[in-house]
Amino acid sequence: MSAPPPNAPAWVYLIPLVMIALVILRNSRARRLRIESLWVMPVLILALVGLSLSQQGMPTPLMLGVDIAAIAAGAGLGWWRGRFTHITVDPATHQLTSRASPIGMLLILGIFALRTGVRLYAAQNASALGVSAIGRIGATYAIGARTERRNIDVVEAVCGILDELRPRSGGSRYRELIEFVADRPGHDYRYAIDPSTIEQELSWRPTELFDAGLRKTVAWYLENETWRERVRSGVYRGERLGLGTGV
């Protein structure tokens, strides 16, 4: 289950709670234990794990270690849960029934809570900078939020934010400062990033919407004027790059 997207409605976060309630309800009732079919679930889980690993491509050493640790932890938790399961034999029919103990159900609850908490934390704190640790060696990932914009749209959005955060004197607007010049060779008309690879392979999703991220960026530059002045006082003085007139 993927982490909820940014600004997801409140009901999305209730899904894990509903799943937990269904699992606890299912395990609280005595069920007939069929010895002849106990092998089905382990084989199915192994098949799903193998299929999942085969779709990931060649994992990095770090991710291989994580996969091995996850499989070992799952096996250990399954063994402990089995120890807490009560199995009874009907004297008349010799049929076996199993019922999960309260400790076993608390173990399930703890696993779900930990899993949900880790996913929510990762969704709030992860960024594309971690791709180097989990991505395929030699792979190229285009990182984007699927919010295609024309250059002029971005410039006008920045001007609007500046009008709000640091208005110009005299009531004039920053948009009035926009000056159209001849395009340099290879000039971009718009930015169109296709992040399909990183989304499919690493289940990466942007955690910041474009408009909110742009506003934070502009605000950071306004709050760090000393840093800006150090940049502008160095070799780079704001000239247009890519014209081929010198280095």
Protein backbone atom coordinates (compact mmCIF):
# COMPACT_ATOMS: atom_id res chain seq x y z
CA MET A 1 0.00 0.00 0.00
CA SER A 2 1.47 3.31 -1.05
CA ALA A 3 1.75 6.25 1.28
CA PRO A 4 -1.12 8.78 1.02
CA PRO A 5 -0.41 11.65 -1.37
CA PRO A 6 0.08 15.24 -0.16
CA ASN A 7 -3.14 16.89 1.09
CA ALA A 8 -4.98 13.55 1.05
CA PRO A 9 -8.47 13.58 2.63
CA ALA A 10 -8.80 12.35 6.20
CA TRP A 11 -10.66 9.17 5.25
CA VAL A 12 -7.56 7.88 3.42
CA TYR A 13 -5.78 7.51 6.76
CA LEU A 14 -8.68 5.39 8.09
CA ILE A 15 -7.93 2.59 5.62
CA PRO A 16 -5.14 1.05 7.77
CA LEU A 17 -7.44 1.13 10.81
CA VAL A 18 -10.18 -0.68 8.90
CA MET A 19 -7.67 -3.30 7.73
CA ILE A 20 -6.45 -3.81 11.29
CA ALA A 21 -10.03 -4.22 12.55
CA LEU A 22 -10.79 -6.83 9.87
CA VAL A 23 -7.64 -8.81 10.65
CA ILE A 24 -8.33 -8.79 14.39
CA LEU A 25 -11.98 -9.81 13.82
CA ARG A 26 -10.91 -12.66 11.56
CA ASN A 27 -8.34 -13.97 14.01
CA SER A 28 -10.54 -13.66 17.09
CA ARG A 29 -12.80 -16.49 15.93
CA ALA A 30 -11.95 -20.17 16.15
CA ARG A 31 -11.27 -21.62 12.71
CA ARG A 32 -10.95 -25.19 11.51
CA LEU A 33 -7.32 -26.03 10.91
CA ARG A 34 -6.79 -27.98 7.70
CA ILE A 35 -3.41 -29.68 7.92
CA GLU A 36 -3.45 -30.71 4.26
CA SER A 37 -3.62 -27.09 3.07
CA LEU A 38 -1.17 -25.41 5.44
CA TRP A 39 1.48 -25.35 2.72
CA VAL A 40 -0.59 -23.11 0.41
CA MET A 41 -0.06 -19.78 2.17
CA PRO A 42 3.75 -20.09 2.61
CA VAL A 43 4.15 -21.04 -1.06
CA LEU A 44 1.91 -18.15 -2.13
CA ILE A 45 3.88 -15.66 -0.02
CA LEU A 46 7.20 -16.95 -1.38
CA ALA A 47 5.88 -16.65 -4.94
CA LEU A 48 4.73 -13.08 -4.37
CA VAL A 49 8.05 -12.15 -2.76
CA GLY A 50 9.97 -13.70 -5.65
CA LEU A 51 7.80 -11.89 -8.20
CA SER A 52 8.27 -8.59 -6.40
CA LEU A 53 12.05 -9.02 -6.26
CA SER A 54 12.21 -10.01 -9.95
CA GLN A 55 10.43 -6.78 -10.94
CA GLN A 56 12.95 -4.60 -9.10
CA GLY A 57 15.89 -5.38 -11.35
CA MET A 58 19.39 -5.64 -9.93
CA PRO A 59 19.19 -4.22 -6.37
CA THR A 60 21.97 -2.21 -4.77
CA PRO A 61 23.90 -3.89 -1.92
CA LEU A 62 22.00 -1.70 0.54
CA MET A 63 18.58 -2.68 -0.81
CA LEU A 64 19.62 -6.35 -0.99
CA GLY A 65 20.49 -6.19 2.69
CA VAL A 66 17.17 -4.51 3.45
CA ASP A 67 15.28 -7.22 1.54
CA ILE A 68 17.09 -10.00 3.41
CA ALA A 69 16.48 -8.29 6.75
CA ALA A 70 12.78 -7.83 5.92
CA ILE A 71 12.37 -11.49 4.98
CA ALA A 72 14.16 -12.62 8.15
CA ALA A 73 12.07 -10.28 10.30
CA GLY A 74 8.85 -11.51 8.66
CA ALA A 75 9.84 -15.14 9.27
CA GLY A 76 10.69 -14.41 12.90
CA LEU A 77 7.43 -12.55 13.53
CA GLY A 78 5.45 -15.36 11.88
CA TRP A 79 7.14 -17.92 14.12
CA TRP A 80 6.36 -15.91 17.27
CA ARG A 81 2.77 -15.40 16.16
CA GLY A 82 2.46 -19.17 15.63
CA ARG A 83 3.66 -19.79 19.19
CA PHE A 84 0.82 -17.64 20.55
CA THR A 85 -1.87 -19.43 18.51
CA HIS A 86 -4.10 -21.79 20.54
CA ILE A 87 -4.78 -25.14 18.83
CA THR A 88 -7.43 -27.51 20.22
CA VAL A 89 -8.54 -31.02 19.21
CA ASP A 90 -12.18 -32.11 19.22
CA PRO A 91 -12.23 -35.48 21.06
CA ALA A 92 -15.20 -36.71 19.05
CA THR A 93 -14.16 -35.74 15.51
CA HIS A 94 -10.42 -35.24 16.07
CA GLN A 95 -10.70 -31.99 14.10
CA LEU A 96 -8.20 -29.25 14.82
CA THR A 97 -9.27 -25.66 15.47
CA SER A 98 -7.06 -22.63 15.93
CA ARG A 99 -7.68 -19.29 17.63
CA ALA A 100 -5.25 -16.40 17.75
CA SER A 101 -4.33 -15.32 21.26
CA PRO A 102 -4.65 -11.68 22.40
CA ILE A 103 -0.87 -11.44 22.37
CA GLY A 104 -0.79 -12.56 18.74
CA MET A 105 -3.43 -9.99 17.78
CA LEU A 106 -1.48 -7.27 19.60
CA LEU A 107 1.56 -8.36 17.59
CA ILE A 108 -0.44 -7.87 14.38
CA LEU A 109 -1.61 -4.47 15.61
CA GLY A 110 1.97 -3.46 16.39
CA ILE A 111 3.18 -4.53 12.93
CA PHE A 112 0.44 -2.53 11.19
CA ALA A 113 1.05 0.51 13.37
CA LEU A 114 4.82 0.39 12.78
CA ARG A 115 4.36 -0.12 9.03
CA THR A 116 1.91 2.78 8.75
CA GLY A 117 4.10 5.05 10.87
CA VAL A 118 7.21 4.31 8.80
CA ARG A 119 5.33 5.00 5.56
CA LEU A 120 3.89 8.27 6.84
CA TYR A 121 7.31 9.39 8.10
CA ALA A 122 8.91 8.48 4.78
CA ALA A 123 6.20 10.33 2.87
CA GLN A 124 6.77 13.48 4.91
CA ASN A 125 10.56 13.42 5.05
CA ALA A 126 11.81 11.50 2.01
CA SER A 127 13.07 13.26 -1.08
CA ALA A 128 14.59 12.33 -4.39
CA LEU A 129 18.05 12.78 -2.82
CA GLY A 130 17.73 9.22 -1.47
CA VAL A 131 17.64 7.75 -4.97
CA SER A 132 21.40 7.21 -4.87
CA ALA A 133 20.89 4.77 -1.99
CA ILE A 134 17.96 2.75 -3.38
CA GLY A 135 18.13 3.16 -7.16
CA ARG A 136 19.69 0.77 -9.68
CA ILE A 137 23.39 1.28 -10.30
CA GLY A 138 23.87 3.07 -13.62
CA ALA A 139 20.17 3.95 -13.98
CA THR A 140 18.98 7.45 -14.87
CA TYR A 141 15.92 8.85 -13.13
CA ALA A 142 14.06 11.97 -14.24
CA ILE A 143 12.53 13.57 -11.15
CA GLY A 144 9.41 15.66 -11.61
CA ALA A 145 6.02 16.40 -10.09
CA ARG A 146 3.97 16.17 -13.33
CA THR A 147 3.18 19.87 -13.16
CA GLU A 148 4.24 21.03 -16.60
CA ARG A 149 4.65 24.80 -16.89
CA ARG A 150 5.74 27.22 -19.58
CA ASN A 151 8.71 29.39 -18.64
CA ILE A 152 6.58 32.53 -18.73
CA ASP A 153 4.06 30.91 -16.38
CA VAL A 154 6.79 30.22 -13.82
CA VAL A 155 8.15 33.77 -14.10
CA GLU A 156 4.70 35.27 -13.63
CA ALA A 157 4.08 33.00 -10.63
CA VAL A 158 7.34 34.19 -9.04
CA CYS A 159 6.31 37.80 -9.67
CA GLY A 160 2.97 37.18 -7.98
CA ILE A 161 4.67 35.72 -4.91
CA LEU A 162 7.06 38.67 -4.72
CA ASP A 163 4.14 41.09 -4.95
CA GLU A 164 2.72 39.43 -1.86
CA LEU A 165 5.87 38.84 0.19
CA ARG A 166 7.88 41.95 -0.71
CA PRO A 167 5.76 44.55 -2.54
CA ARG A 168 7.52 47.19 -4.65
CA SER A 169 7.38 50.81 -3.65
CA GLY A 170 4.84 52.98 -5.41
CA GLY A 171 2.38 50.12 -5.88
CA SER A 172 3.96 48.85 -9.12
CA ARG A 173 4.07 45.13 -9.80
CA TYR A 174 7.05 42.88 -10.46
CA ARG A 175 5.43 41.63 -13.66
CA GLU A 176 6.20 45.05 -15.17
CA LEU A 177 9.92 44.19 -14.98
CA ILE A 178 9.61 41.22 -17.35
CA GLU A 179 11.67 41.87 -20.48
CA PHE A 180 11.50 39.61 -23.52
CA VAL A 181 14.84 39.00 -25.25
CA ALA A 182 16.01 36.90 -28.19
CA ASP A 183 16.18 33.22 -27.36
CA ARG A 184 19.61 31.71 -26.94
CA PRO A 185 20.48 28.51 -28.86
CA GLY A 186 18.75 25.54 -27.31
CA HIS A 187 16.46 27.74 -25.24
CA ASP A 188 13.69 25.87 -23.37
CA TYR A 189 10.12 26.89 -24.12
CA ARG A 190 8.71 24.72 -21.35
CA TYR A 191 9.82 22.05 -18.90
CA ALA A 192 8.21 18.63 -19.41
CA ILE A 193 9.68 15.94 -17.15
CA ASP A 194 8.50 12.32 -17.42
CA PRO A 195 9.10 10.73 -13.98
CA SER A 196 7.57 7.36 -14.93
CA THR A 197 10.79 5.39 -14.29
CA ILE A 198 11.33 6.58 -10.73
CA GLU A 199 7.62 6.21 -9.97
CA GLN A 200 7.45 2.63 -11.25
CA GLU A 201 10.79 1.31 -9.98
CA LEU A 202 11.09 3.10 -6.64
CA SER A 203 7.44 4.03 -5.95
CA TRP A 204 8.61 7.61 -5.56
CA ARG A 205 6.02 10.36 -5.38
CA PRO A 206 6.53 14.11 -4.92
CA THR A 207 5.77 15.32 -1.41
CA GLU A 208 5.56 18.98 -2.38
CA LEU A 209 3.07 20.57 -4.74
CA PHE A 210 4.56 22.92 -7.34
CA ASP A 211 2.89 26.12 -6.16
CA ALA A 212 3.68 25.51 -2.50
CA GLY A 213 7.29 24.54 -3.28
CA LEU A 214 7.81 27.62 -5.46
CA ARG A 215 6.51 29.86 -2.70
CA LYS A 216 8.89 28.28 -0.17
CA THR A 217 11.79 28.72 -2.60
CA VAL A 218 11.08 32.42 -3.15
CA ALA A 219 10.63 32.95 0.58
CA TRP A 220 13.99 31.27 1.27
CA TYR A 221 15.80 33.58 -1.15
CA LEU A 222 14.17 36.62 0.42
CA GLU A 223 15.15 35.49 3.91
CA ASN A 224 18.77 34.75 2.92
CA GLU A 225 19.86 38.00 1.34
CA THR A 226 23.43 37.67 2.64
CA TRP A 227 23.83 34.37 0.79
CA ARG A 228 22.40 35.93 -2.39
CA GLU A 229 24.83 38.82 -2.27
CA ARG A 230 27.81 36.48 -1.86
CA VAL A 231 26.75 34.64 -5.01
CA ARG A 232 26.27 37.82 -7.01
CA SER A 233 29.59 39.28 -5.89
CA GLY A 234 31.52 36.29 -7.23
CA VAL A 235 32.35 35.17 -10.77
CA TYR A 236 28.72 34.79 -11.73
CA ARG A 237 27.08 38.21 -11.94
CA GLY A 238 23.71 37.37 -13.37
CA GLU A 239 24.63 37.31 -17.07
CA ARG A 240 22.76 34.97 -19.39
CA LEU A 241 24.51 31.65 -19.90
CA GLY A 242 24.63 29.39 -22.95
CA LEU A 243 25.29 32.08 -25.57
CA GLY A 244 28.73 30.72 -26.41
CA THR A 245 30.46 34.08 -25.99
CA GLY A 246 33.00 32.92 -23.46
CA VAL A 247 33.58 30.82 -20.40
